[in-house]
Amino acid sequence: MIKPIFKSNDKKQINYTSSILWHSLDISLRLIHPIMPFITEELYQRIPHKKFESICISEFPDANLLSEFEDDDSIKKINYLINAVKTIRSIKMNLDYKNSKPKSKI
């Protein structure tokens, strides 16, 4: 999905996509930093558009700041799929449905 954008000559679209990727990487590194501090610090130092000198002093991402990226239509579609899967699993369990393939012994 992103490769065609970077292969195009549309500088505005390339810059916009790049900024989203860098922002996503920045947030991802800050989220995983408590678990993997040395690796995330090394990667953070290589980000060209970093907000802080070190990831150690950066703010932990706030979920409320990401609310602008929420898409209500997509959330409704995902919830519909989740409920459909739950319903199918419930029906399978109530009917005591067995998988058609026998389990092979290794």
C-alpha atoms as a PDB file:
ATOM      1  CA  MET A   1       0.000   0.000   0.000  1.00  0.00           C
ATOM      2  CA  ILE A   2       2.851   2.391   0.735  1.00  0.00           C
ATOM      3  CA  LYS A   3       5.316   1.343  -1.944  1.00  0.00           C
ATOM      4  CA  PRO A   4       3.349   2.886  -4.822  1.00  0.00           C
ATOM      5  CA  ILE A   5       3.245   6.204  -2.969  1.00  0.00           C
ATOM      6  CA  PHE A   6       7.014   6.257  -2.540  1.00  0.00           C
ATOM      7  CA  LYS A   7       7.544   5.239  -6.162  1.00  0.00           C
ATOM      8  CA  SER A   8       5.326   8.073  -7.391  1.00  0.00           C
ATOM      9  CA  ASN A   9       6.530  11.621  -8.066  1.00  0.00           C
ATOM     10  CA  ASP A  10       3.973  13.236  -5.771  1.00  0.00           C
ATOM     11  CA  LYS A  11       6.231  14.952  -3.218  1.00  0.00           C
ATOM     12  CA  LYS A  12       3.307  16.117  -1.076  1.00  0.00           C
ATOM     13  CA  GLN A  13       1.930  12.585  -0.714  1.00  0.00           C
ATOM     14  CA  ILE A  14       5.419  11.166  -0.072  1.00  0.00           C
ATOM     15  CA  ASN A  15       6.084  13.720   2.688  1.00  0.00           C
ATOM     16  CA  TYR A  16       2.686  13.105   4.268  1.00  0.00           C
ATOM     17  CA  THR A  17       3.156   9.325   4.248  1.00  0.00           C
ATOM     18  CA  SER A  18       6.702   9.636   5.608  1.00  0.00           C
ATOM     19  CA  SER A  19       5.565  11.804   8.484  1.00  0.00           C
ATOM     20  CA  ILE A  20       2.889   9.264   9.421  1.00  0.00           C
ATOM     21  CA  LEU A  21       5.442   6.440   9.342  1.00  0.00           C
ATOM     22  CA  TRP A  22       7.929   8.363  11.501  1.00  0.00           C
ATOM     23  CA  HIS A  23       5.160   9.304  13.940  1.00  0.00           C
ATOM     24  CA  SER A  24       4.042   5.662  14.173  1.00  0.00           C
ATOM     25  CA  LEU A  25       7.601   4.496  14.764  1.00  0.00           C
ATOM     26  CA  ASP A  26       8.102   7.147  17.428  1.00  0.00           C
ATOM     27  CA  ILE A  27       4.983   6.088  19.338  1.00  0.00           C
ATOM     28  CA  SER A  28       5.775   2.380  18.942  1.00  0.00           C
ATOM     29  CA  LEU A  29       9.286   2.820  20.313  1.00  0.00           C
ATOM     30  CA  ARG A  30       8.030   4.813  23.291  1.00  0.00           C
ATOM     31  CA  LEU A  31       5.413   2.154  24.053  1.00  0.00           C
ATOM     32  CA  ILE A  32       7.913  -0.702  24.037  1.00  0.00           C
ATOM     33  CA  HIS A  33      10.719   1.217  25.764  1.00  0.00           C
ATOM     34  CA  PRO A  34       9.915  -0.031  29.318  1.00  0.00           C
ATOM     35  CA  ILE A  35      10.364  -3.615  28.102  1.00  0.00           C
ATOM     36  CA  MET A  36      13.352  -3.146  25.758  1.00  0.00           C
ATOM     37  CA  PRO A  37      15.148   0.035  26.851  1.00  0.00           C
ATOM     38  CA  PHE A  38      18.522  -0.411  25.161  1.00  0.00           C
ATOM     39  CA  ILE A  39      17.193  -1.415  21.757  1.00  0.00           C
ATOM     40  CA  THR A  40      14.537   1.297  21.708  1.00  0.00           C
ATOM     41  CA  GLU A  41      17.050   3.969  22.730  1.00  0.00           C
ATOM     42  CA  GLU A  42      19.381   2.953  19.919  1.00  0.00           C
ATOM     43  CA  LEU A  43      16.574   3.003  17.373  1.00  0.00           C
ATOM     44  CA  TYR A  44      15.178   6.272  18.727  1.00  0.00           C
ATOM     45  CA  GLN A  45      18.540   7.972  18.225  1.00  0.00           C
ATOM     46  CA  ARG A  46      18.292   7.149  14.513  1.00  0.00           C
ATOM     47  CA  ILE A  47      14.896   8.806  13.997  1.00  0.00           C
ATOM     48  CA  PRO A  48      15.439  12.010  12.022  1.00  0.00           C
ATOM     49  CA  HIS A  49      12.397  13.849  13.434  1.00  0.00           C
ATOM     50  CA  LYS A  50      12.660  12.967  17.108  1.00  0.00           C
ATOM     51  CA  LYS A  51      10.996  15.242  19.634  1.00  0.00           C
ATOM     52  CA  PHE A  52      13.353  14.602  22.548  1.00  0.00           C
ATOM     53  CA  GLU A  53      17.090  14.098  22.895  1.00  0.00           C
ATOM     54  CA  SER A  54      16.569  10.684  24.444  1.00  0.00           C
ATOM     55  CA  ILE A  55      13.663   8.290  24.633  1.00  0.00           C
ATOM     56  CA  CYS A  56      14.322   8.064  28.392  1.00  0.00           C
ATOM     57  CA  ILE A  57      13.066  11.619  28.889  1.00  0.00           C
ATOM     58  CA  SER A  58      10.269  11.462  26.318  1.00  0.00           C
ATOM     59  CA  GLU A  59       6.665  11.358  27.414  1.00  0.00           C
ATOM     60  CA  PHE A  60       4.817   8.069  27.399  1.00  0.00           C
ATOM     61  CA  PRO A  61       2.120   8.122  24.660  1.00  0.00           C
ATOM     62  CA  ASP A  62      -1.323   9.164  25.829  1.00  0.00           C
ATOM     63  CA  ALA A  63      -4.230   7.214  24.338  1.00  0.00           C
ATOM     64  CA  ASN A  64      -6.417  10.333  24.408  1.00  0.00           C
ATOM     65  CA  LEU A  65      -4.116  12.020  21.900  1.00  0.00           C
ATOM     66  CA  LEU A  66      -4.782   9.263  19.377  1.00  0.00           C
ATOM     67  CA  SER A  67      -8.555   9.774  19.365  1.00  0.00           C
ATOM     68  CA  GLU A  68      -8.283  11.913  16.225  1.00  0.00           C
ATOM     69  CA  PHE A  69      -7.330   8.782  14.278  1.00  0.00           C
ATOM     70  CA  GLU A  70     -10.438   6.846  15.297  1.00  0.00           C
ATOM     71  CA  ASP A  71     -12.845   5.937  12.546  1.00  0.00           C
ATOM     72  CA  ASP A  72     -16.335   5.179  13.859  1.00  0.00           C
ATOM     73  CA  ASP A  73     -17.372   3.318  10.702  1.00  0.00           C
ATOM     74  CA  SER A  74     -14.342   1.015  10.913  1.00  0.00           C
ATOM     75  CA  ILE A  75     -14.951   0.395  14.609  1.00  0.00           C
ATOM     76  CA  LYS A  76     -18.555  -0.625  13.854  1.00  0.00           C
ATOM     77  CA  LYS A  77     -17.378  -3.011  11.115  1.00  0.00           C
ATOM     78  CA  ILE A  78     -14.771  -4.618  13.385  1.00  0.00           C
ATOM     79  CA  ASN A  79     -17.291  -5.024  16.215  1.00  0.00           C
ATOM     80  CA  TYR A  80     -19.720  -6.640  13.748  1.00  0.00           C
ATOM     81  CA  LEU A  81     -17.028  -9.134  12.696  1.00  0.00           C
ATOM     82  CA  ILE A  82     -16.053  -9.871  16.297  1.00  0.00           C
ATOM     83  CA  ASN A  83     -19.694 -10.580  17.184  1.00  0.00           C
ATOM     84  CA  ALA A  84     -20.086 -12.789  14.100  1.00  0.00           C
ATOM     85  CA  VAL A  85     -17.040 -14.861  15.067  1.00  0.00           C
ATOM     86  CA  LYS A  86     -18.281 -15.161  18.661  1.00  0.00           C
ATOM     87  CA  THR A  87     -21.693 -16.304  17.423  1.00  0.00           C
ATOM     88  CA  ILE A  88     -20.207 -18.896  15.077  1.00  0.00           C
ATOM     89  CA  ARG A  89     -17.948 -20.244  17.832  1.00  0.00           C
ATOM     90  CA  SER A  90     -20.891 -20.417  20.238  1.00  0.00           C
ATOM     91  CA  ILE A  91     -22.991 -22.326  17.698  1.00  0.00           C
ATOM     92  CA  LYS A  92     -20.115 -24.749  17.017  1.00  0.00           C
ATOM     93  CA  MET A  93     -19.694 -25.356  20.732  1.00  0.00           C
ATOM     94  CA  ASN A  94     -23.446 -25.890  21.306  1.00  0.00           C
ATOM     95  CA  LEU A  95     -23.661 -28.347  18.405  1.00  0.00           C
ATOM     96  CA  ASP A  96     -20.501 -30.115  19.581  1.00  0.00           C
ATOM     97  CA  TYR A  97     -19.080 -29.666  16.085  1.00  0.00           C
ATOM     98  CA  LYS A  98     -15.842 -31.528  15.426  1.00  0.00           C
ATOM     99  CA  ASN A  99     -13.297 -30.492  12.823  1.00  0.00           C
ATOM    100  CA  SER A 100     -13.683 -32.478   9.613  1.00  0.00           C
ATOM    101  CA  LYS A 101      -9.972 -33.250   9.416  1.00  0.00           C
ATOM    102  CA  PRO A 102      -8.650 -35.842  11.830  1.00  0.00           C
ATOM    103  CA  LYS A 103      -5.614 -34.771  13.774  1.00  0.00           C
ATOM    104  CA  SER A 104      -2.524 -36.390  12.345  1.00  0.00           C
ATOM    105  CA  LYS A 105      -0.014 -38.062  14.591  1.00  0.00           C
ATOM    106  CA  ILE A 106       3.577 -37.019  14.139  1.00  0.00           C
END
